[in-house]
Amino acid sequence: MIDRSIQLGVCKFNVNTEVRQAYIQALKLEICGDSPGDLLEIAGEAIAAMQEVIIEKLNLFGSVGKAHLHETPYALFLANQAYH
């Protein structure tokens, strides 16, 4: 269904709710578990859960490997400024 939607011109899909749900679920599991860990470890698990959802969506939408399509001189300038 997603592929067909893209073919028909849909270019925006809202996935923030799913990303947030993954984050909250991971926090709940870590905080309410048998031995709650360090806050940084808990945050790391929550971030990893969000990344899994994001990677799944990037694959689903056929976006993997296409970041170069959005490179502009201004974006490259900003990226260089951020790391210098």
PDB file of N, CA and C in Angstrom:
ATOM      1  N   MET A   1       0.819  -1.183   0.000  1.00  0.00           N
ATOM      2  CA  MET A   1       0.000   0.000   0.000  1.00  0.00           C
ATOM      3  C   MET A   1       0.873   1.261   0.000  1.00  0.00           C
ATOM      4  N   ILE A   2       1.965   1.245   0.758  1.00  0.00           N
ATOM      5  CA  ILE A   2       2.860   2.406   0.811  1.00  0.00           C
ATOM      6  C   ILE A   2       3.463   2.657  -0.572  1.00  0.00           C
ATOM      7  N   ASP A   3       3.967   1.597  -1.211  1.00  0.00           N
ATOM      8  CA  ASP A   3       4.558   1.757  -2.547  1.00  0.00           C
ATOM      9  C   ASP A   3       3.565   2.392  -3.510  1.00  0.00           C
ATOM     10  N   ARG A   4       2.358   1.928  -3.481  1.00  0.00           N
ATOM     11  CA  ARG A   4       1.327   2.465  -4.382  1.00  0.00           C
ATOM     12  C   ARG A   4       1.024   3.923  -4.053  1.00  0.00           C
ATOM     13  N   SER A   5       0.968   4.236  -2.771  1.00  0.00           N
ATOM     14  CA  SER A   5       0.721   5.621  -2.365  1.00  0.00           C
ATOM     15  C   SER A   5       1.815   6.543  -2.885  1.00  0.00           C
ATOM     16  N   ILE A   6       3.061   6.087  -2.805  1.00  0.00           N
ATOM     17  CA  ILE A   6       4.186   6.880  -3.307  1.00  0.00           C
ATOM     18  C   ILE A   6       4.076   7.047  -4.812  1.00  0.00           C
ATOM     19  N   GLN A   7       3.719   5.974  -5.513  1.00  0.00           N
ATOM     20  CA  GLN A   7       3.548   6.054  -6.964  1.00  0.00           C
ATOM     21  C   GLN A   7       2.468   7.063  -7.339  1.00  0.00           C
ATOM     22  N   LEU A   8       1.442   7.169  -6.505  1.00  0.00           N
ATOM     23  CA  LEU A   8       0.337   8.091  -6.774  1.00  0.00           C
ATOM     24  C   LEU A   8       0.632   9.523  -6.330  1.00  0.00           C
ATOM     25  N   GLY A   9       1.810   9.734  -5.733  1.00  0.00           N
ATOM     26  CA  GLY A   9       2.221  11.095  -5.410  1.00  0.00           C
ATOM     27  C   GLY A   9       2.229  11.475  -3.945  1.00  0.00           C
ATOM     28  N   VAL A  10       1.862  10.566  -3.061  1.00  0.00           N
ATOM     29  CA  VAL A  10       1.926  10.900  -1.640  1.00  0.00           C
ATOM     30  C   VAL A  10       3.394  11.073  -1.273  1.00  0.00           C
ATOM     31  N   CYS A  11       3.723  12.186  -0.651  1.00  0.00           N
ATOM     32  CA  CYS A  11       5.130  12.449  -0.337  1.00  0.00           C
ATOM     33  C   CYS A  11       5.351  12.744   1.142  1.00  0.00           C
ATOM     34  N   LYS A  12       4.310  12.636   1.959  1.00  0.00           N
ATOM     35  CA  LYS A  12       4.475  12.876   3.386  1.00  0.00           C
ATOM     36  C   LYS A  12       3.715  11.812   4.163  1.00  0.00           C
ATOM     37  N   PHE A  13       4.443  11.164   5.055  1.00  0.00           N
ATOM     38  CA  PHE A  13       3.859  10.168   5.940  1.00  0.00           C
ATOM     39  C   PHE A  13       4.214  10.557   7.368  1.00  0.00           C
ATOM     40  N   ASN A  14       3.252  10.608   8.247  1.00  0.00           N
ATOM     41  CA  ASN A  14       3.502  10.960   9.641  1.00  0.00           C
ATOM     42  C   ASN A  14       3.825   9.699  10.432  1.00  0.00           C
ATOM     43  N   VAL A  15       5.013   9.672  11.005  1.00  0.00           N
ATOM     44  CA  VAL A  15       5.454   8.502  11.764  1.00  0.00           C
ATOM     45  C   VAL A  15       5.921   8.880  13.173  1.00  0.00           C
ATOM     46  N   ASN A  16       5.776  10.144  13.535  1.00  0.00           N
ATOM     47  CA  ASN A  16       6.266  10.600  14.827  1.00  0.00           C
ATOM     48  C   ASN A  16       5.631   9.836  15.988  1.00  0.00           C
ATOM     49  N   THR A  17       4.345   9.532  15.898  1.00  0.00           N
ATOM     50  CA  THR A  17       3.673   8.814  16.977  1.00  0.00           C
ATOM     51  C   THR A  17       4.322   7.452  17.203  1.00  0.00           C
ATOM     52  N   GLU A  18       4.629   6.740  16.132  1.00  0.00           N
ATOM     53  CA  GLU A  18       5.262   5.432  16.271  1.00  0.00           C
ATOM     54  C   GLU A  18       6.659   5.538  16.877  1.00  0.00           C
ATOM     55  N   VAL A  19       7.385   6.577  16.503  1.00  0.00           N
ATOM     56  CA  VAL A  19       8.726   6.786  17.056  1.00  0.00           C
ATOM     57  C   VAL A  19       8.621   7.085  18.549  1.00  0.00           C
ATOM     58  N   ARG A  20       7.695   7.942  18.923  1.00  0.00           N
ATOM     59  CA  ARG A  20       7.505   8.276  20.341  1.00  0.00           C
ATOM     60  C   ARG A  20       7.046   7.068  21.149  1.00  0.00           C
ATOM     61  N   GLN A  21       6.173   6.262  20.576  1.00  0.00           N
ATOM     62  CA  GLN A  21       5.707   5.066  21.284  1.00  0.00           C
ATOM     63  C   GLN A  21       6.864   4.112  21.559  1.00  0.00           C
ATOM     64  N   ALA A  22       7.754   3.952  20.602  1.00  0.00           N
ATOM     65  CA  ALA A  22       8.920   3.093  20.798  1.00  0.00           C
ATOM     66  C   ALA A  22       9.794   3.637  21.923  1.00  0.00           C
ATOM     67  N   TYR A  23       9.968   4.939  21.960  1.00  0.00           N
ATOM     68  CA  TYR A  23      10.771   5.602  22.992  1.00  0.00           C
ATOM     69  C   TYR A  23      10.166   5.363  24.378  1.00  0.00           C
ATOM     70  N   ILE A  24       8.874   5.639  24.498  1.00  0.00           N
ATOM     71  CA  ILE A  24       8.186   5.493  25.789  1.00  0.00           C
ATOM     72  C   ILE A  24       8.185   4.038  26.247  1.00  0.00           C
ATOM     73  N   GLN A  25       7.927   3.116  25.326  1.00  0.00           N
ATOM     74  CA  GLN A  25       7.907   1.694  25.682  1.00  0.00           C
ATOM     75  C   GLN A  25       9.274   1.248  26.191  1.00  0.00           C
ATOM     76  N   ALA A  26      10.334   1.686  25.526  1.00  0.00           N
ATOM     77  CA  ALA A  26      11.689   1.325  25.964  1.00  0.00           C
ATOM     78  C   ALA A  26      11.978   1.920  27.341  1.00  0.00           C
ATOM     79  N   LEU A  27      11.561   3.161  27.569  1.00  0.00           N
ATOM     80  CA  LEU A  27      11.747   3.766  28.889  1.00  0.00           C
ATOM     81  C   LEU A  27      11.010   2.968  29.963  1.00  0.00           C
ATOM     82  N   LYS A  28       9.768   2.614  29.682  1.00  0.00           N
ATOM     83  CA  LYS A  28       8.987   1.842  30.653  1.00  0.00           C
ATOM     84  C   LYS A  28       9.670   0.524  30.991  1.00  0.00           C
ATOM     85  N   LEU A  29      10.127  -0.174  29.963  1.00  0.00           N
ATOM     86  CA  LEU A  29      10.780  -1.462  30.196  1.00  0.00           C
ATOM     87  C   LEU A  29      12.042  -1.310  31.039  1.00  0.00           C
ATOM     88  N   GLU A  30      12.811  -0.284  30.774  1.00  0.00           N
ATOM     89  CA  GLU A  30      14.067  -0.080  31.498  1.00  0.00           C
ATOM     90  C   GLU A  30      13.831   0.431  32.923  1.00  0.00           C
ATOM     91  N   ILE A  31      12.920   1.374  33.082  1.00  0.00           N
ATOM     92  CA  ILE A  31      12.685   1.972  34.403  1.00  0.00           C
ATOM     93  C   ILE A  31      11.926   1.028  35.316  1.00  0.00           C
ATOM     94  N   CYS A  32      10.977   0.301  34.767  1.00  0.00           N
ATOM     95  CA  CYS A  32      10.132  -0.577  35.578  1.00  0.00           C
ATOM     96  C   CYS A  32      10.664  -2.004  35.648  1.00  0.00           C
ATOM     97  N   GLY A  33      11.811  -2.247  35.092  1.00  0.00           N
ATOM     98  CA  GLY A  33      12.372  -3.587  35.094  1.00  0.00           C
ATOM     99  C   GLY A  33      12.859  -4.003  36.466  1.00  0.00           C
ATOM    100  N   ASP A  34      13.386  -5.203  36.549  1.00  0.00           N
ATOM    101  CA  ASP A  34      13.856  -5.747  37.819  1.00  0.00           C
ATOM    102  C   ASP A  34      14.998  -4.942  38.424  1.00  0.00           C
ATOM    103  N   SER A  35      15.882  -4.464  37.586  1.00  0.00           N
ATOM    104  CA  SER A  35      17.018  -3.688  38.096  1.00  0.00           C
ATOM    105  C   SER A  35      17.242  -2.462  37.204  1.00  0.00           C
ATOM    106  N   PRO A  36      16.543  -1.376  37.537  1.00  0.00           N
ATOM    107  CA  PRO A  36      16.708  -0.162  36.738  1.00  0.00           C
ATOM    108  C   PRO A  36      18.182   0.239  36.668  1.00  0.00           C
ATOM    109  N   GLY A  37      18.605   0.613  35.471  1.00  0.00           N
ATOM    110  CA  GLY A  37      20.004   0.952  35.257  1.00  0.00           C
ATOM    111  C   GLY A  37      20.272   2.432  35.370  1.00  0.00           C
ATOM    112  N   ASP A  38      21.440   2.799  34.946  1.00  0.00           N
ATOM    113  CA  ASP A  38      21.887   4.178  34.913  1.00  0.00           C
ATOM    114  C   ASP A  38      21.044   4.962  33.912  1.00  0.00           C
ATOM    115  N   LEU A  39      20.823   6.232  34.196  1.00  0.00           N
ATOM    116  CA  LEU A  39      19.991   7.068  33.330  1.00  0.00           C
ATOM    117  C   LEU A  39      20.522   7.117  31.901  1.00  0.00           C
ATOM    118  N   LEU A  40      21.846   7.188  31.744  1.00  0.00           N
ATOM    119  CA  LEU A  40      22.411   7.227  30.395  1.00  0.00           C
ATOM    120  C   LEU A  40      22.177   5.918  29.646  1.00  0.00           C
ATOM    121  N   GLU A  41      22.243   4.797  30.346  1.00  0.00           N
ATOM    122  CA  GLU A  41      21.956   3.507  29.714  1.00  0.00           C
ATOM    123  C   GLU A  41      20.490   3.424  29.309  1.00  0.00           C
ATOM    124  N   ILE A  42      19.626   3.913  30.190  1.00  0.00           N
ATOM    125  CA  ILE A  42      18.186   3.904  29.904  1.00  0.00           C
ATOM    126  C   ILE A  42      17.895   4.767  28.676  1.00  0.00           C
ATOM    127  N   ALA A  43      18.488   5.946  28.627  1.00  0.00           N
ATOM    128  CA  ALA A  43      18.290   6.833  27.483  1.00  0.00           C
ATOM    129  C   ALA A  43      18.823   6.186  26.211  1.00  0.00           C
ATOM    130  N   GLY A  44      19.952   5.497  26.319  1.00  0.00           N
ATOM    131  CA  GLY A  44      20.523   4.812  25.156  1.00  0.00           C
ATOM    132  C   GLY A  44      19.591   3.752  24.604  1.00  0.00           C
ATOM    133  N   GLU A  45      18.947   2.995  25.494  1.00  0.00           N
ATOM    134  CA  GLU A  45      17.985   1.980  25.052  1.00  0.00           C
ATOM    135  C   GLU A  45      16.781   2.623  24.364  1.00  0.00           C
ATOM    136  N   ALA A  46      16.321   3.736  24.913  1.00  0.00           N
ATOM    137  CA  ALA A  46      15.170   4.433  24.319  1.00  0.00           C
ATOM    138  C   ALA A  46      15.525   4.982  22.940  1.00  0.00           C
ATOM    139  N   ILE A  47      16.714   5.527  22.810  1.00  0.00           N
ATOM    140  CA  ILE A  47      17.160   6.048  21.514  1.00  0.00           C
ATOM    141  C   ILE A  47      17.299   4.917  20.511  1.00  0.00           C
ATOM    142  N   ALA A  48      17.836   3.796  20.932  1.00  0.00           N
ATOM    143  CA  ALA A  48      17.978   2.638  20.040  1.00  0.00           C
ATOM    144  C   ALA A  48      16.612   2.155  19.560  1.00  0.00           C
ATOM    145  N   ALA A  49      15.617   2.177  20.434  1.00  0.00           N
ATOM    146  CA  ALA A  49      14.260   1.764  20.048  1.00  0.00           C
ATOM    147  C   ALA A  49      13.695   2.707  18.986  1.00  0.00           C
ATOM    148  N   MET A  50      13.937   4.004  19.158  1.00  0.00           N
ATOM    149  CA  MET A  50      13.471   4.969  18.160  1.00  0.00           C
ATOM    150  C   MET A  50      14.188   4.744  16.837  1.00  0.00           C
ATOM    151  N   GLN A  51      15.485   4.497  16.891  1.00  0.00           N
ATOM    152  CA  GLN A  51      16.257   4.281  15.666  1.00  0.00           C
ATOM    153  C   GLN A  51      15.740   3.068  14.896  1.00  0.00           C
ATOM    154  N   GLU A  52      15.340   2.026  15.611  1.00  0.00           N
ATOM    155  CA  GLU A  52      14.791   0.843  14.939  1.00  0.00           C
ATOM    156  C   GLU A  52      13.551   1.194  14.129  1.00  0.00           C
ATOM    157  N   VAL A  53      12.659   1.981  14.728  1.00  0.00           N
ATOM    158  CA  VAL A  53      11.430   2.388  14.028  1.00  0.00           C
ATOM    159  C   VAL A  53      11.789   3.252  12.824  1.00  0.00           C
ATOM    160  N   ILE A  54      12.718   4.171  13.001  1.00  0.00           N
ATOM    161  CA  ILE A  54      13.102   5.072  11.912  1.00  0.00           C
ATOM    162  C   ILE A  54      13.718   4.287  10.757  1.00  0.00           C
ATOM    163  N   ILE A  55      14.595   3.347  11.067  1.00  0.00           N
ATOM    164  CA  ILE A  55      15.203   2.519  10.022  1.00  0.00           C
ATOM    165  C   ILE A  55      14.134   1.711   9.292  1.00  0.00           C
ATOM    166  N   GLU A  56      13.195   1.168  10.045  1.00  0.00           N
ATOM    167  CA  GLU A  56      12.093   0.410   9.434  1.00  0.00           C
ATOM    168  C   GLU A  56      11.315   1.288   8.451  1.00  0.00           C
ATOM    169  N   LYS A  57      11.035   2.530   8.863  1.00  0.00           N
ATOM    170  CA  LYS A  57      10.264   3.435   8.005  1.00  0.00           C
ATOM    171  C   LYS A  57      11.078   3.865   6.785  1.00  0.00           C
ATOM    172  N   LEU A  58      12.377   4.122   6.965  1.00  0.00           N
ATOM    173  CA  LEU A  58      13.220   4.487   5.825  1.00  0.00           C
ATOM    174  C   LEU A  58      13.227   3.371   4.787  1.00  0.00           C
ATOM    175  N   ASN A  59      13.305   2.132   5.251  1.00  0.00           N
ATOM    176  CA  ASN A  59      13.253   0.995   4.328  1.00  0.00           C
ATOM    177  C   ASN A  59      11.881   0.880   3.677  1.00  0.00           C
ATOM    178  N   LEU A  60      10.830   1.027   4.473  1.00  0.00           N
ATOM    179  CA  LEU A  60       9.466   0.912   3.965  1.00  0.00           C
ATOM    180  C   LEU A  60       9.176   1.955   2.884  1.00  0.00           C
ATOM    181  N   PHE A  61       9.674   3.172   3.078  1.00  0.00           N
ATOM    182  CA  PHE A  61       9.407   4.257   2.141  1.00  0.00           C
ATOM    183  C   PHE A  61      10.402   4.310   0.990  1.00  0.00           C
ATOM    184  N   GLY A  62      11.383   3.408   0.975  1.00  0.00           N
ATOM    185  CA  GLY A  62      12.357   3.389  -0.105  1.00  0.00           C
ATOM    186  C   GLY A  62      13.325   4.561  -0.055  1.00  0.00           C
ATOM    187  N   SER A  63      13.619   5.053   1.136  1.00  0.00           N
ATOM    188  CA  SER A  63      14.461   6.236   1.283  1.00  0.00           C
ATOM    189  C   SER A  63      15.922   5.928   1.576  1.00  0.00           C
ATOM    190  N   VAL A  64      16.250   4.682   1.823  1.00  0.00           N
ATOM    191  CA  VAL A  64      17.626   4.325   2.168  1.00  0.00           C
ATOM    192  C   VAL A  64      18.552   4.622   0.993  1.00  0.00           C
ATOM    193  N   GLY A  65      19.668   5.286   1.298  1.00  0.00           N
ATOM    194  CA  GLY A  65      20.663   5.589   0.271  1.00  0.00           C
ATOM    195  C   GLY A  65      20.335   6.778  -0.608  1.00  0.00           C
ATOM    196  N   LYS A  66      19.350   7.574  -0.227  1.00  0.00           N
ATOM    197  CA  LYS A  66      18.946   8.694  -1.075  1.00  0.00           C
ATOM    198  C   LYS A  66      19.219  10.065  -0.460  1.00  0.00           C
ATOM    199  N   ALA A  67      19.964  10.121   0.631  1.00  0.00           N
ATOM    200  CA  ALA A  67      20.238  11.408   1.277  1.00  0.00           C
ATOM    201  C   ALA A  67      20.960  12.361   0.332  1.00  0.00           C
ATOM    202  N   HIS A  68      21.800  11.807  -0.541  1.00  0.00           N
ATOM    203  CA  HIS A  68      22.548  12.658  -1.477  1.00  0.00           C
ATOM    204  C   HIS A  68      21.630  13.459  -2.397  1.00  0.00           C
ATOM    205  N   LEU A  69      20.409  13.027  -2.562  1.00  0.00           N
ATOM    206  CA  LEU A  69      19.471  13.747  -3.417  1.00  0.00           C
ATOM    207  C   LEU A  69      19.063  15.088  -2.805  1.00  0.00           C
ATOM    208  N   HIS A  70      19.324  15.254  -1.524  1.00  0.00           N
ATOM    209  CA  HIS A  70      18.922  16.473  -0.828  1.00  0.00           C
ATOM    210  C   HIS A  70      20.103  17.388  -0.526  1.00  0.00           C
ATOM    211  N   GLU A  71      21.263  17.036  -1.061  1.00  0.00           N
ATOM    212  CA  GLU A  71      22.436  17.872  -0.821  1.00  0.00           C
ATOM    213  C   GLU A  71      22.354  19.140  -1.667  1.00  0.00           C
ATOM    214  N   THR A  72      22.516  20.240  -1.006  1.00  0.00           N
ATOM    215  CA  THR A  72      22.567  21.539  -1.679  1.00  0.00           C
ATOM    216  C   THR A  72      23.825  22.245  -1.188  1.00  0.00           C
ATOM    217  N   PRO A  73      24.286  23.233  -1.901  1.00  0.00           N
ATOM    218  CA  PRO A  73      25.461  23.964  -1.409  1.00  0.00           C
ATOM    219  C   PRO A  73      25.255  24.517   0.001  1.00  0.00           C
ATOM    220  N   TYR A  74      24.063  24.999   0.290  1.00  0.00           N
ATOM    221  CA  TYR A  74      23.800  25.555   1.622  1.00  0.00           C
ATOM    222  C   TYR A  74      23.812  24.464   2.689  1.00  0.00           C
ATOM    223  N   ALA A  75      23.232  23.303   2.397  1.00  0.00           N
ATOM    224  CA  ALA A  75      23.246  22.202   3.355  1.00  0.00           C
ATOM    225  C   ALA A  75      24.673  21.743   3.628  1.00  0.00           C
ATOM    226  N   LEU A  76      25.482  21.664   2.597  1.00  0.00           N
ATOM    227  CA  LEU A  76      26.881  21.285   2.776  1.00  0.00           C
ATOM    228  C   LEU A  76      27.627  22.332   3.599  1.00  0.00           C
ATOM    229  N   PHE A  77      27.336  23.605   3.368  1.00  0.00           N
ATOM    230  CA  PHE A  77      27.938  24.683   4.152  1.00  0.00           C
ATOM    231  C   PHE A  77      27.592  24.534   5.630  1.00  0.00           C
ATOM    232  N   LEU A  78      26.308  24.305   5.930  1.00  0.00           N
ATOM    233  CA  LEU A  78      25.875  24.126   7.314  1.00  0.00           C
ATOM    234  C   LEU A  78      26.530  22.915   7.955  1.00  0.00           C
ATOM    235  N   ALA A  79      26.627  21.823   7.223  1.00  0.00           N
ATOM    236  CA  ALA A  79      27.250  20.626   7.753  1.00  0.00           C
ATOM    237  C   ALA A  79      28.720  20.876   8.078  1.00  0.00           C
ATOM    238  N   ASN A  80      29.407  21.581   7.212  1.00  0.00           N
ATOM    239  CA  ASN A  80      30.810  21.906   7.472  1.00  0.00           C
ATOM    240  C   ASN A  80      30.961  22.816   8.678  1.00  0.00           C
ATOM    241  N   GLN A  81      30.037  23.755   8.857  1.00  0.00           N
ATOM    242  CA  GLN A  81      30.091  24.661  10.001  1.00  0.00           C
ATOM    243  C   GLN A  81      29.879  23.911  11.318  1.00  0.00           C
ATOM    244  N   ALA A  82      29.039  22.900  11.288  1.00  0.00           N
ATOM    245  CA  ALA A  82      28.713  22.157  12.507  1.00  0.00           C
ATOM    246  C   ALA A  82      29.891  21.356  13.013  1.00  0.00           C
ATOM    247  N   TYR A  83      30.791  20.973  12.155  1.00  0.00           N
ATOM    248  CA  TYR A  83      31.906  20.115  12.555  1.00  0.00           C
ATOM    249  C   TYR A  83      33.240  20.832  12.622  1.00  0.00           C
ATOM    250  N   HIS A  84      33.237  22.153  12.519  1.00  0.00           N
ATOM    251  CA  HIS A  84      34.509  22.907  12.613  1.00  0.00           C
ATOM    252  C   HIS A  84      34.500  23.856  13.773  1.00  0.00           C
TER     253      HIS A  84
END
